[in-house]
N, C-alpha and C. Protein backbone atom coordinates (compact mmCIF):
# COMPACT_ATOMS: atom_id res chain seq x y z
N UNK A 1 266.75 39.38 -1.83
CA UNK A 1 265.42 39.78 -1.31
C UNK A 1 265.61 40.76 -0.17
N UNK A 2 264.91 41.87 -0.25
CA UNK A 2 265.06 42.91 0.79
C UNK A 2 264.06 42.67 1.92
N UNK A 3 264.58 42.66 3.14
CA UNK A 3 263.71 42.48 4.30
C UNK A 3 263.09 43.81 4.70
N UNK A 4 261.82 43.83 4.85
CA UNK A 4 261.12 45.06 5.26
C UNK A 4 260.90 45.02 6.76
N UNK A 5 261.20 46.13 7.38
CA UNK A 5 260.98 46.21 8.83
C UNK A 5 259.69 46.95 9.11
N UNK A 6 258.96 46.45 10.07
CA UNK A 6 257.69 47.10 10.45
C UNK A 6 257.88 47.80 11.77
N UNK A 7 257.41 48.99 11.85
CA UNK A 7 257.50 49.75 13.10
C UNK A 7 256.10 50.15 13.54
N UNK A 8 255.95 50.23 14.81
CA UNK A 8 254.66 50.64 15.35
C UNK A 8 254.53 52.14 15.19
N UNK A 9 253.47 52.55 14.57
CA UNK A 9 253.26 53.99 14.36
C UNK A 9 252.67 54.62 15.59
N UNK A 10 253.34 55.63 16.11
CA UNK A 10 252.83 56.34 17.28
C UNK A 10 252.20 57.63 16.83
N UNK A 11 251.10 57.95 17.39
CA UNK A 11 250.45 59.19 17.00
C UNK A 11 249.81 59.84 18.21
N UNK A 12 249.61 61.12 18.08
CA UNK A 12 249.03 61.91 19.15
C UNK A 12 247.57 62.17 18.82
N UNK A 13 246.68 61.79 19.73
CA UNK A 13 245.26 61.97 19.49
C UNK A 13 244.65 62.88 20.56
N UNK A 14 244.50 64.16 20.24
CA UNK A 14 243.90 65.08 21.22
C UNK A 14 242.50 64.66 21.64
N UNK A 15 241.73 64.11 20.70
CA UNK A 15 240.36 63.68 21.02
C UNK A 15 240.36 62.56 22.04
N UNK A 16 241.25 61.58 21.83
CA UNK A 16 241.34 60.46 22.77
C UNK A 16 241.79 60.94 24.14
N UNK A 17 242.78 61.84 24.17
CA UNK A 17 243.27 62.37 25.45
C UNK A 17 242.19 63.15 26.17
N UNK A 18 241.40 63.91 25.40
CA UNK A 18 240.32 64.69 26.00
C UNK A 18 239.29 63.76 26.64
N UNK A 19 238.92 62.71 25.91
CA UNK A 19 237.93 61.77 26.44
C UNK A 19 238.45 61.07 27.69
N UNK A 20 239.73 60.71 27.67
CA UNK A 20 240.33 60.06 28.83
C UNK A 20 240.32 60.99 30.04
N UNK A 21 240.59 62.29 29.78
CA UNK A 21 240.59 63.28 30.84
C UNK A 21 239.19 63.45 31.43
N UNK A 22 238.18 63.49 30.57
CA UNK A 22 236.80 63.62 31.03
C UNK A 22 236.39 62.39 31.85
N UNK A 23 236.77 61.21 31.37
CA UNK A 23 236.46 59.98 32.10
C UNK A 23 237.08 60.00 33.48
N UNK A 24 238.33 60.40 33.54
CA UNK A 24 239.04 60.47 34.83
C UNK A 24 238.35 61.45 35.77
N UNK A 25 237.97 62.61 35.23
CA UNK A 25 237.30 63.62 36.04
C UNK A 25 235.95 63.12 36.54
N UNK A 26 235.19 62.45 35.67
CA UNK A 26 233.87 61.93 36.06
C UNK A 26 233.99 60.91 37.18
N UNK A 27 235.01 60.08 37.11
CA UNK A 27 235.20 59.04 38.14
C UNK A 27 235.57 59.67 39.48
N UNK A 28 236.50 60.63 39.47
CA UNK A 28 236.91 61.25 40.75
C UNK A 28 235.76 62.05 41.36
N UNK A 29 234.98 62.74 40.52
CA UNK A 29 233.84 63.51 41.04
C UNK A 29 232.78 62.57 41.61
N UNK A 30 232.52 61.47 40.93
CA UNK A 30 231.54 60.49 41.43
C UNK A 30 232.01 59.90 42.75
N UNK A 31 233.29 59.59 42.83
CA UNK A 31 233.85 59.01 44.06
C UNK A 31 233.73 59.99 45.23
N UNK A 32 234.00 61.25 44.97
CA UNK A 32 233.93 62.24 46.04
C UNK A 32 232.51 62.38 46.58
N UNK A 33 231.53 62.39 45.68
CA UNK A 33 230.12 62.49 46.09
C UNK A 33 229.73 61.28 46.94
N UNK A 34 230.09 60.09 46.49
CA UNK A 34 229.73 58.87 47.19
C UNK A 34 230.44 58.74 48.54
N UNK A 35 231.69 59.17 48.59
CA UNK A 35 232.43 59.13 49.85
C UNK A 35 231.76 59.98 50.91
N UNK A 36 231.32 61.16 50.50
CA UNK A 36 230.65 62.06 51.44
C UNK A 36 229.31 61.51 51.88
N UNK A 37 228.62 60.87 50.96
CA UNK A 37 227.28 60.37 51.25
C UNK A 37 227.30 59.07 52.04
N UNK A 38 228.21 58.16 51.69
CA UNK A 38 228.17 56.81 52.25
C UNK A 38 229.37 56.43 53.10
N UNK A 39 230.44 57.22 53.03
CA UNK A 39 231.66 56.87 53.76
C UNK A 39 232.56 55.98 52.93
N UNK A 40 233.79 55.85 53.37
CA UNK A 40 234.81 55.12 52.60
C UNK A 40 234.54 53.63 52.55
N UNK A 41 234.21 53.03 53.71
CA UNK A 41 234.04 51.58 53.78
C UNK A 41 232.89 51.09 52.92
N UNK A 42 231.81 51.89 52.86
CA UNK A 42 230.61 51.45 52.13
C UNK A 42 230.61 51.87 50.66
N UNK A 43 231.60 52.63 50.26
CA UNK A 43 231.69 53.05 48.86
C UNK A 43 232.53 52.03 48.10
N UNK A 44 231.92 51.34 47.15
CA UNK A 44 232.63 50.33 46.39
C UNK A 44 233.04 50.86 45.02
N UNK A 45 233.98 50.17 44.40
CA UNK A 45 234.40 50.54 43.04
C UNK A 45 233.22 50.40 42.08
N UNK A 46 232.38 49.39 42.33
CA UNK A 46 231.19 49.20 41.49
C UNK A 46 230.25 50.40 41.58
N UNK A 47 230.08 50.92 42.81
CA UNK A 47 229.22 52.10 43.01
C UNK A 47 229.78 53.30 42.26
N UNK A 48 231.07 53.49 42.37
CA UNK A 48 231.73 54.63 41.72
C UNK A 48 231.58 54.53 40.21
N UNK A 49 231.80 53.32 39.66
CA UNK A 49 231.69 53.11 38.22
C UNK A 49 230.27 53.41 37.74
N UNK A 50 229.29 52.92 38.49
CA UNK A 50 227.88 53.13 38.11
C UNK A 50 227.54 54.62 38.09
N UNK A 51 227.95 55.33 39.12
CA UNK A 51 227.62 56.76 39.19
C UNK A 51 228.36 57.55 38.11
N UNK A 52 229.58 57.12 37.76
CA UNK A 52 230.37 57.82 36.74
C UNK A 52 229.94 57.44 35.32
N UNK A 53 229.12 56.39 35.21
CA UNK A 53 228.65 55.98 33.89
C UNK A 53 229.68 55.21 33.09
N UNK A 54 230.56 54.49 33.81
CA UNK A 54 231.58 53.69 33.13
C UNK A 54 231.57 52.29 33.72
N UNK A 55 232.34 51.41 33.12
CA UNK A 55 232.42 50.04 33.64
C UNK A 55 233.41 49.97 34.80
N UNK A 56 233.24 48.92 35.61
CA UNK A 56 234.18 48.71 36.72
C UNK A 56 235.59 48.50 36.19
N UNK A 57 235.71 47.84 35.04
CA UNK A 57 237.01 47.58 34.43
C UNK A 57 237.71 48.89 34.05
N UNK A 58 236.92 49.88 33.61
CA UNK A 58 237.47 51.18 33.25
C UNK A 58 238.06 51.87 34.48
N UNK A 59 237.34 51.79 35.58
CA UNK A 59 237.83 52.40 36.83
C UNK A 59 239.16 51.77 37.24
N UNK A 60 239.23 50.44 37.18
CA UNK A 60 240.47 49.76 37.54
C UNK A 60 241.59 50.08 36.57
N UNK A 61 241.24 50.20 35.29
CA UNK A 61 242.25 50.50 34.28
C UNK A 61 242.85 51.88 34.48
N UNK A 62 242.02 52.83 34.92
CA UNK A 62 242.48 54.21 35.09
C UNK A 62 243.20 54.41 36.42
N UNK A 63 242.67 53.82 37.50
CA UNK A 63 243.19 54.12 38.84
C UNK A 63 243.82 52.93 39.57
N UNK A 64 243.51 51.71 39.13
CA UNK A 64 244.12 50.55 39.76
C UNK A 64 243.39 50.03 40.98
N UNK A 65 242.88 50.94 41.82
CA UNK A 65 242.22 50.54 43.05
C UNK A 65 241.45 51.72 43.63
N UNK A 66 240.70 51.46 44.69
CA UNK A 66 239.98 52.54 45.37
C UNK A 66 240.96 53.52 46.00
N UNK A 67 242.07 53.00 46.48
CA UNK A 67 243.11 53.86 47.03
C UNK A 67 243.66 54.80 45.96
N UNK A 68 243.78 54.28 44.74
CA UNK A 68 244.24 55.12 43.63
C UNK A 68 243.29 56.25 43.32
N UNK A 69 242.00 55.99 43.49
CA UNK A 69 240.99 57.03 43.26
C UNK A 69 241.13 58.12 44.32
N UNK A 70 241.35 57.71 45.57
CA UNK A 70 241.51 58.68 46.65
C UNK A 70 242.73 59.56 46.38
N UNK A 71 243.83 58.94 45.95
CA UNK A 71 245.03 59.72 45.63
C UNK A 71 244.75 60.72 44.52
N UNK A 72 243.95 60.31 43.54
CA UNK A 72 243.62 61.21 42.42
C UNK A 72 242.75 62.37 42.87
N UNK A 73 241.86 62.12 43.83
CA UNK A 73 241.03 63.21 44.36
C UNK A 73 241.92 64.28 45.00
N UNK A 74 242.94 63.83 45.72
CA UNK A 74 243.88 64.77 46.35
C UNK A 74 244.67 65.53 45.28
N UNK A 75 245.16 64.80 44.29
CA UNK A 75 245.98 65.41 43.24
C UNK A 75 245.19 66.39 42.38
N UNK A 76 243.91 66.09 42.17
CA UNK A 76 243.09 66.92 41.30
C UNK A 76 243.03 68.36 41.78
N UNK A 77 243.10 68.54 43.08
CA UNK A 77 243.01 69.89 43.64
C UNK A 77 244.21 70.75 43.24
N UNK A 78 245.31 70.10 42.85
CA UNK A 78 246.51 70.84 42.47
C UNK A 78 246.65 71.01 40.96
N UNK A 79 245.88 70.22 40.22
CA UNK A 79 246.06 70.21 38.77
C UNK A 79 245.63 71.53 38.13
N UNK A 80 246.42 71.96 37.14
CA UNK A 80 246.10 73.14 36.34
C UNK A 80 245.88 74.40 37.19
N UNK A 81 246.62 74.51 38.28
CA UNK A 81 246.51 75.70 39.13
C UNK A 81 247.55 76.72 38.68
N UNK A 82 247.08 77.84 38.13
CA UNK A 82 247.99 78.84 37.57
C UNK A 82 248.92 79.46 38.62
N UNK A 83 248.40 79.65 39.83
CA UNK A 83 249.21 80.25 40.90
C UNK A 83 250.38 79.33 41.25
N UNK A 84 250.09 78.04 41.39
CA UNK A 84 251.16 77.09 41.71
C UNK A 84 252.18 77.02 40.59
N UNK A 85 251.70 77.01 39.36
CA UNK A 85 252.60 76.93 38.22
C UNK A 85 253.53 78.15 38.16
N UNK A 86 252.97 79.33 38.42
CA UNK A 86 253.76 80.56 38.38
C UNK A 86 254.82 80.56 39.49
N UNK A 87 254.43 80.15 40.69
CA UNK A 87 255.38 80.09 41.81
C UNK A 87 256.50 79.07 41.51
N UNK A 88 256.10 77.94 40.98
CA UNK A 88 257.08 76.89 40.67
C UNK A 88 258.09 77.36 39.63
N UNK A 89 257.60 77.93 38.54
CA UNK A 89 258.49 78.39 37.47
C UNK A 89 259.38 79.54 37.93
N UNK A 90 258.80 80.47 38.68
CA UNK A 90 259.57 81.62 39.16
C UNK A 90 260.68 81.20 40.10
N UNK A 91 260.39 80.21 40.96
CA UNK A 91 261.40 79.76 41.92
C UNK A 91 262.58 79.09 41.24
N UNK A 92 262.35 78.52 40.05
CA UNK A 92 263.43 77.88 39.31
C UNK A 92 264.19 78.85 38.41
N UNK A 93 263.60 80.02 38.14
CA UNK A 93 264.21 80.97 37.21
C UNK A 93 265.01 82.06 37.90
N UNK A 94 264.64 82.40 39.14
CA UNK A 94 265.29 83.53 39.79
C UNK A 94 266.78 83.28 40.00
N UNK A 95 267.56 84.35 39.96
CA UNK A 95 269.01 84.23 40.15
C UNK A 95 269.42 84.49 41.60
N UNK A 96 268.46 84.74 42.46
CA UNK A 96 268.74 85.05 43.86
C UNK A 96 268.32 83.87 44.73
N UNK A 97 269.26 83.31 45.50
CA UNK A 97 268.99 82.11 46.29
C UNK A 97 267.89 82.34 47.34
N UNK A 98 267.95 83.48 48.02
CA UNK A 98 266.96 83.75 49.06
C UNK A 98 265.57 83.98 48.46
N UNK A 99 265.53 84.60 47.30
CA UNK A 99 264.25 84.79 46.63
C UNK A 99 263.69 83.44 46.16
N UNK A 100 264.58 82.56 45.71
CA UNK A 100 264.15 81.22 45.32
C UNK A 100 263.54 80.49 46.51
N UNK A 101 264.16 80.65 47.67
CA UNK A 101 263.62 80.04 48.89
C UNK A 101 262.27 80.63 49.26
N UNK A 102 262.15 81.96 49.15
CA UNK A 102 260.89 82.62 49.51
C UNK A 102 259.75 82.17 48.59
N UNK A 103 260.04 82.09 47.30
CA UNK A 103 259.03 81.64 46.35
C UNK A 103 258.65 80.18 46.61
N UNK A 104 259.64 79.38 46.95
CA UNK A 104 259.38 77.97 47.24
C UNK A 104 258.53 77.81 48.50
N UNK A 105 258.81 78.61 49.50
CA UNK A 105 258.01 78.59 50.72
C UNK A 105 256.55 78.93 50.41
N UNK A 106 256.35 79.94 49.58
CA UNK A 106 254.99 80.30 49.19
C UNK A 106 254.31 79.18 48.42
N UNK A 107 255.10 78.47 47.60
CA UNK A 107 254.57 77.33 46.86
C UNK A 107 254.16 76.21 47.82
N UNK A 108 255.03 75.90 48.77
CA UNK A 108 254.74 74.85 49.76
C UNK A 108 253.48 75.20 50.55
N UNK A 109 253.41 76.44 50.99
CA UNK A 109 252.23 76.88 51.75
C UNK A 109 250.95 76.72 50.93
N UNK A 110 251.00 77.14 49.67
CA UNK A 110 249.81 77.07 48.81
C UNK A 110 249.38 75.63 48.58
N UNK A 111 250.34 74.74 48.36
CA UNK A 111 250.02 73.32 48.17
C UNK A 111 249.32 72.76 49.41
N UNK A 112 249.86 73.07 50.59
CA UNK A 112 249.26 72.58 51.82
C UNK A 112 247.86 73.17 52.02
N UNK A 113 247.69 74.44 51.71
CA UNK A 113 246.38 75.07 51.88
C UNK A 113 245.34 74.45 50.96
N UNK A 114 245.75 74.08 49.75
CA UNK A 114 244.82 73.48 48.80
C UNK A 114 244.49 72.04 49.18
N UNK A 115 245.50 71.28 49.61
CA UNK A 115 245.29 69.87 49.87
C UNK A 115 244.64 69.57 51.23
N UNK A 116 244.91 70.41 52.22
CA UNK A 116 244.46 70.10 53.58
C UNK A 116 242.95 69.92 53.70
N UNK A 117 242.11 70.80 53.09
CA UNK A 117 240.66 70.57 53.18
C UNK A 117 240.24 69.23 52.60
N UNK A 118 240.94 68.77 51.57
CA UNK A 118 240.61 67.48 50.97
C UNK A 118 240.94 66.34 51.93
N UNK A 119 242.06 66.44 52.61
CA UNK A 119 242.40 65.43 53.61
C UNK A 119 241.35 65.40 54.72
N UNK A 120 240.90 66.57 55.14
CA UNK A 120 239.88 66.63 56.19
C UNK A 120 238.56 66.05 55.69
N UNK A 121 238.21 66.33 54.44
CA UNK A 121 237.00 65.79 53.83
C UNK A 121 237.07 64.26 53.81
N UNK A 122 238.23 63.73 53.44
CA UNK A 122 238.38 62.28 53.36
C UNK A 122 238.30 61.65 54.74
N UNK A 123 238.87 62.32 55.73
CA UNK A 123 238.75 61.81 57.10
C UNK A 123 237.29 61.78 57.53
N UNK A 124 236.55 62.85 57.16
CA UNK A 124 235.13 62.92 57.48
C UNK A 124 234.33 61.82 56.79
N UNK A 125 234.84 61.35 55.66
CA UNK A 125 234.17 60.28 54.92
C UNK A 125 234.60 58.90 55.44
N UNK A 126 235.42 58.89 56.47
CA UNK A 126 235.80 57.62 57.08
C UNK A 126 237.09 57.02 56.56
N UNK A 127 237.88 57.79 55.79
CA UNK A 127 239.19 57.29 55.37
C UNK A 127 240.13 57.45 56.56
N UNK A 128 240.61 56.35 57.10
CA UNK A 128 241.40 56.39 58.32
C UNK A 128 242.80 56.94 58.08
N UNK A 129 243.37 57.47 59.14
CA UNK A 129 244.72 58.05 59.04
C UNK A 129 245.75 57.09 58.44
N UNK A 130 245.75 55.79 58.84
CA UNK A 130 246.72 54.87 58.24
C UNK A 130 246.55 54.75 56.73
N UNK A 131 245.29 54.76 56.27
CA UNK A 131 245.03 54.68 54.83
C UNK A 131 245.53 55.93 54.12
N UNK A 132 245.25 57.11 54.73
CA UNK A 132 245.74 58.36 54.15
C UNK A 132 247.27 58.41 54.17
N UNK A 133 247.86 57.83 55.20
CA UNK A 133 249.32 57.81 55.29
C UNK A 133 249.91 56.99 54.14
N UNK A 134 249.26 55.88 53.81
CA UNK A 134 249.73 55.05 52.69
C UNK A 134 249.59 55.80 51.37
N UNK A 135 248.48 56.52 51.23
CA UNK A 135 248.26 57.30 50.01
C UNK A 135 249.32 58.40 49.91
N UNK A 136 249.57 59.08 51.03
CA UNK A 136 250.58 60.14 51.04
C UNK A 136 251.96 59.57 50.71
N UNK A 137 252.23 58.38 51.21
CA UNK A 137 253.52 57.74 50.96
C UNK A 137 253.71 57.48 49.48
N UNK A 138 252.61 57.10 48.81
CA UNK A 138 252.69 56.82 47.39
C UNK A 138 253.02 58.06 46.57
N UNK A 139 252.64 59.24 47.10
CA UNK A 139 252.90 60.48 46.38
C UNK A 139 254.24 61.08 46.78
N UNK A 140 254.85 60.53 47.82
CA UNK A 140 256.04 61.14 48.40
C UNK A 140 257.21 61.21 47.43
N UNK A 141 257.39 60.15 46.64
CA UNK A 141 258.53 60.12 45.72
C UNK A 141 258.45 61.26 44.72
N UNK A 142 257.27 61.45 44.12
CA UNK A 142 257.09 62.53 43.15
C UNK A 142 257.29 63.89 43.82
N UNK A 143 256.69 64.06 44.99
CA UNK A 143 256.82 65.34 45.69
C UNK A 143 258.27 65.63 46.06
N UNK A 144 259.00 64.60 46.47
CA UNK A 144 260.39 64.81 46.86
C UNK A 144 261.26 65.14 45.64
N UNK A 145 260.95 64.53 44.51
CA UNK A 145 261.69 64.86 43.28
C UNK A 145 261.50 66.32 42.92
N UNK A 146 260.26 66.82 43.10
CA UNK A 146 259.99 68.23 42.81
C UNK A 146 260.71 69.13 43.81
N UNK A 147 260.69 68.73 45.08
CA UNK A 147 261.38 69.51 46.10
C UNK A 147 262.88 69.55 45.84
N UNK A 148 263.43 68.42 45.39
CA UNK A 148 264.86 68.37 45.11
C UNK A 148 265.26 69.33 43.99
N UNK A 149 264.38 69.54 43.02
CA UNK A 149 264.67 70.49 41.95
C UNK A 149 264.86 71.89 42.52
N UNK A 150 264.04 72.23 43.50
CA UNK A 150 264.15 73.56 44.10
C UNK A 150 265.47 73.73 44.84
N UNK A 151 265.80 72.76 45.67
CA UNK A 151 267.02 72.92 46.46
C UNK A 151 268.25 72.83 45.57
N UNK A 152 268.22 72.01 44.52
CA UNK A 152 269.35 71.95 43.60
C UNK A 152 269.53 73.28 42.86
N UNK A 153 268.41 73.91 42.51
CA UNK A 153 268.48 75.21 41.86
C UNK A 153 269.13 76.23 42.78
N UNK A 154 268.74 76.21 44.05
CA UNK A 154 269.30 77.13 45.03
C UNK A 154 270.79 76.88 45.21
N UNK A 155 271.18 75.61 45.27
CA UNK A 155 272.60 75.28 45.42
C UNK A 155 273.41 75.73 44.21
N UNK A 156 272.82 75.61 43.04
CA UNK A 156 273.50 76.07 41.82
C UNK A 156 273.70 77.58 41.82
N UNK A 157 272.70 78.29 42.32
CA UNK A 157 272.81 79.75 42.43
C UNK A 157 273.93 80.11 43.41
N UNK A 158 273.97 79.40 44.54
CA UNK A 158 274.98 79.68 45.56
C UNK A 158 276.40 79.46 45.04
N UNK A 159 276.55 78.47 44.17
CA UNK A 159 277.88 78.16 43.64
C UNK A 159 278.47 79.31 42.85
N UNK A 160 277.60 80.18 42.34
CA UNK A 160 278.06 81.30 41.52
C UNK A 160 277.80 82.67 42.16
N UNK A 161 277.45 82.66 43.44
CA UNK A 161 277.08 83.91 44.11
C UNK A 161 277.82 84.03 45.44
N UNK A 162 278.88 84.83 45.50
CA UNK A 162 279.67 84.95 46.73
C UNK A 162 278.91 85.61 47.89
N UNK A 163 277.78 86.24 47.59
CA UNK A 163 277.00 86.90 48.64
C UNK A 163 276.28 85.90 49.53
N UNK A 164 276.15 84.65 49.08
CA UNK A 164 275.47 83.63 49.87
C UNK A 164 276.39 82.43 50.03
N UNK A 165 276.43 81.87 51.22
CA UNK A 165 277.30 80.73 51.47
C UNK A 165 276.57 79.69 52.32
N UNK A 166 276.66 78.43 51.91
CA UNK A 166 276.07 77.36 52.71
C UNK A 166 276.90 77.14 53.97
N UNK A 167 276.29 76.61 54.99
CA UNK A 167 277.01 76.29 56.22
C UNK A 167 278.10 75.26 55.94
N UNK A 168 279.14 75.32 56.73
CA UNK A 168 280.24 74.37 56.58
C UNK A 168 279.74 72.95 56.81
N UNK A 169 280.19 72.05 55.96
CA UNK A 169 279.78 70.66 56.09
C UNK A 169 278.43 70.35 55.47
N UNK A 170 277.77 71.37 54.92
CA UNK A 170 276.45 71.18 54.32
C UNK A 170 276.63 70.69 52.88
N UNK A 171 276.33 69.43 52.65
CA UNK A 171 276.40 68.91 51.29
C UNK A 171 275.02 68.86 50.66
N UNK A 172 274.98 68.46 49.41
CA UNK A 172 273.73 68.47 48.66
C UNK A 172 272.67 67.58 49.31
N UNK A 173 273.04 66.38 49.71
CA UNK A 173 272.10 65.43 50.29
C UNK A 173 271.52 65.97 51.59
N UNK A 174 272.39 66.53 52.45
CA UNK A 174 271.92 67.07 53.72
C UNK A 174 270.96 68.23 53.50
N UNK A 175 271.29 69.11 52.55
CA UNK A 175 270.42 70.24 52.24
C UNK A 175 269.06 69.77 51.75
N UNK A 176 269.05 68.75 50.91
CA UNK A 176 267.79 68.21 50.41
C UNK A 176 266.96 67.60 51.54
N UNK A 177 267.62 66.90 52.45
CA UNK A 177 266.92 66.27 53.57
C UNK A 177 266.29 67.31 54.49
N UNK A 178 267.04 68.37 54.79
CA UNK A 178 266.53 69.44 55.65
C UNK A 178 265.33 70.12 54.99
N UNK A 179 265.48 70.41 53.72
CA UNK A 179 264.41 71.06 52.96
C UNK A 179 263.14 70.21 52.99
N UNK A 180 263.29 68.92 52.71
CA UNK A 180 262.14 68.03 52.64
C UNK A 180 261.47 67.88 54.01
N UNK A 181 262.28 67.78 55.05
CA UNK A 181 261.75 67.61 56.40
C UNK A 181 260.94 68.83 56.83
N UNK A 182 261.47 70.03 56.62
CA UNK A 182 260.79 71.24 57.08
C UNK A 182 259.53 71.55 56.27
N UNK A 183 259.50 71.12 55.01
CA UNK A 183 258.34 71.41 54.15
C UNK A 183 257.28 70.33 54.21
N UNK A 184 257.48 69.32 55.03
CA UNK A 184 256.56 68.19 55.11
C UNK A 184 255.15 68.61 55.50
N UNK A 185 254.15 67.97 54.91
CA UNK A 185 252.75 68.31 55.17
C UNK A 185 252.36 68.09 56.63
N UNK A 186 252.94 67.08 57.26
CA UNK A 186 252.59 66.78 58.65
C UNK A 186 252.97 67.94 59.57
N UNK A 187 254.10 68.57 59.30
CA UNK A 187 254.52 69.71 60.10
C UNK A 187 253.56 70.88 59.92
N UNK A 188 253.13 71.09 58.68
CA UNK A 188 252.12 72.12 58.41
C UNK A 188 250.83 71.81 59.18
N UNK A 189 250.42 70.56 59.16
CA UNK A 189 249.18 70.17 59.83
C UNK A 189 249.25 70.46 61.34
N UNK A 190 250.38 70.13 61.94
CA UNK A 190 250.53 70.34 63.39
C UNK A 190 250.48 71.83 63.72
N UNK A 191 251.26 72.63 62.99
CA UNK A 191 251.37 74.05 63.33
C UNK A 191 250.10 74.85 62.99
N UNK A 192 249.55 74.61 61.80
CA UNK A 192 248.42 75.42 61.34
C UNK A 192 247.09 74.85 61.79
N UNK A 193 246.87 73.57 61.56
CA UNK A 193 245.56 73.00 61.86
C UNK A 193 245.37 72.65 63.34
N UNK A 194 246.45 72.21 63.99
CA UNK A 194 246.32 71.84 65.40
C UNK A 194 246.65 73.00 66.33
N UNK A 195 247.73 73.72 66.04
CA UNK A 195 248.18 74.77 66.95
C UNK A 195 247.61 76.13 66.60
N UNK A 196 246.95 76.25 65.46
CA UNK A 196 246.26 77.48 65.13
C UNK A 196 247.10 78.59 64.52
N UNK A 197 248.28 78.26 63.98
CA UNK A 197 249.09 79.29 63.32
C UNK A 197 248.37 79.79 62.07
N UNK A 198 248.60 81.05 61.73
CA UNK A 198 248.10 81.57 60.46
C UNK A 198 249.01 81.10 59.33
N UNK A 199 248.50 81.20 58.10
CA UNK A 199 249.32 80.85 56.95
C UNK A 199 250.55 81.72 56.84
N UNK A 200 250.40 83.01 57.14
CA UNK A 200 251.54 83.94 57.09
C UNK A 200 252.60 83.57 58.13
N UNK A 201 252.12 83.24 59.35
CA UNK A 201 253.06 82.88 60.42
C UNK A 201 253.83 81.62 60.04
N UNK A 202 253.15 80.65 59.46
CA UNK A 202 253.80 79.42 59.03
C UNK A 202 254.84 79.70 57.94
N UNK A 203 254.46 80.49 56.93
CA UNK A 203 255.37 80.79 55.82
C UNK A 203 256.61 81.54 56.31
N UNK A 204 256.41 82.52 57.20
CA UNK A 204 257.55 83.29 57.73
C UNK A 204 258.48 82.38 58.54
N UNK A 205 257.88 81.53 59.36
CA UNK A 205 258.69 80.60 60.16
C UNK A 205 259.47 79.65 59.27
N UNK A 206 258.80 79.08 58.26
CA UNK A 206 259.46 78.12 57.38
C UNK A 206 260.62 78.77 56.64
N UNK A 207 260.42 79.99 56.18
CA UNK A 207 261.49 80.70 55.47
C UNK A 207 262.69 80.91 56.39
N UNK A 208 262.44 81.39 57.60
CA UNK A 208 263.53 81.64 58.54
C UNK A 208 264.24 80.34 58.93
N UNK A 209 263.49 79.27 59.08
CA UNK A 209 264.09 77.99 59.42
C UNK A 209 264.99 77.49 58.30
N UNK A 210 264.56 77.63 57.06
CA UNK A 210 265.37 77.21 55.92
C UNK A 210 266.64 78.06 55.82
N UNK A 211 266.49 79.37 56.01
CA UNK A 211 267.65 80.27 55.95
C UNK A 211 268.66 79.90 57.03
N UNK A 212 268.19 79.75 58.27
CA UNK A 212 269.10 79.48 59.39
C UNK A 212 269.70 78.08 59.31
N UNK A 213 268.98 77.14 58.68
CA UNK A 213 269.47 75.77 58.59
C UNK A 213 270.48 75.58 57.46
N UNK A 214 270.34 76.37 56.39
CA UNK A 214 271.16 76.16 55.20
C UNK A 214 272.33 77.13 55.07
N UNK A 215 272.12 78.39 55.49
CA UNK A 215 273.11 79.44 55.19
C UNK A 215 273.95 79.80 56.41
N UNK A 216 275.16 80.24 56.14
CA UNK A 216 275.98 80.86 57.18
C UNK A 216 275.38 82.20 57.57
N UNK A 217 275.56 82.56 58.82
CA UNK A 217 275.06 83.88 59.24
C UNK A 217 275.94 84.97 58.65
N UNK A 218 275.28 86.07 58.26
CA UNK A 218 276.05 87.20 57.74
C UNK A 218 276.70 87.95 58.86
N UNK A 219 277.96 88.32 58.70
CA UNK A 219 278.68 89.06 59.75
C UNK A 219 278.52 90.55 59.54
């Protein structure tokens, strides 16, 4: 007797994915409207579900919690942005380490410029700094993985390019740490939003700081 094995059939459903995307968008848009109108503390998951035209269970299934919705509002501002995608891809493709850094700096600046108004909006809606810090922490792992791709690409270019040399004692981990520290959103917030630097001044400073921190000086 031959034993028959059953396997779960996996399939791709564009219609289902489209509906899920629309549902997600409706929930985040409803949440943003309610946050502005009522504030964070008074905006409940039930309110968001009602305004989005879905069940409370759907909201929890998609986002997990109100904090998850806030994180999605922040992320939505970056989704499907052609400028960011072009900068990201170009920074990974270029064969010049300094050009890769320059493109990455422009990418970092653009991300901060897009996200910062949303953070300010959320603060205005009563989302406290500690809550935003927790949300930012949740996104940190993904952001750092993306940042690591950039610095690894630059290090790979350097390994095959005698025109550029890393500082003595600079290993991969240290380079990644320096890169991540200097590109941090909090540093952007202090310099641009608190101290009044222009976007250009910030980008030029960040580029020079990365160059001086990572590379040997040219003689």
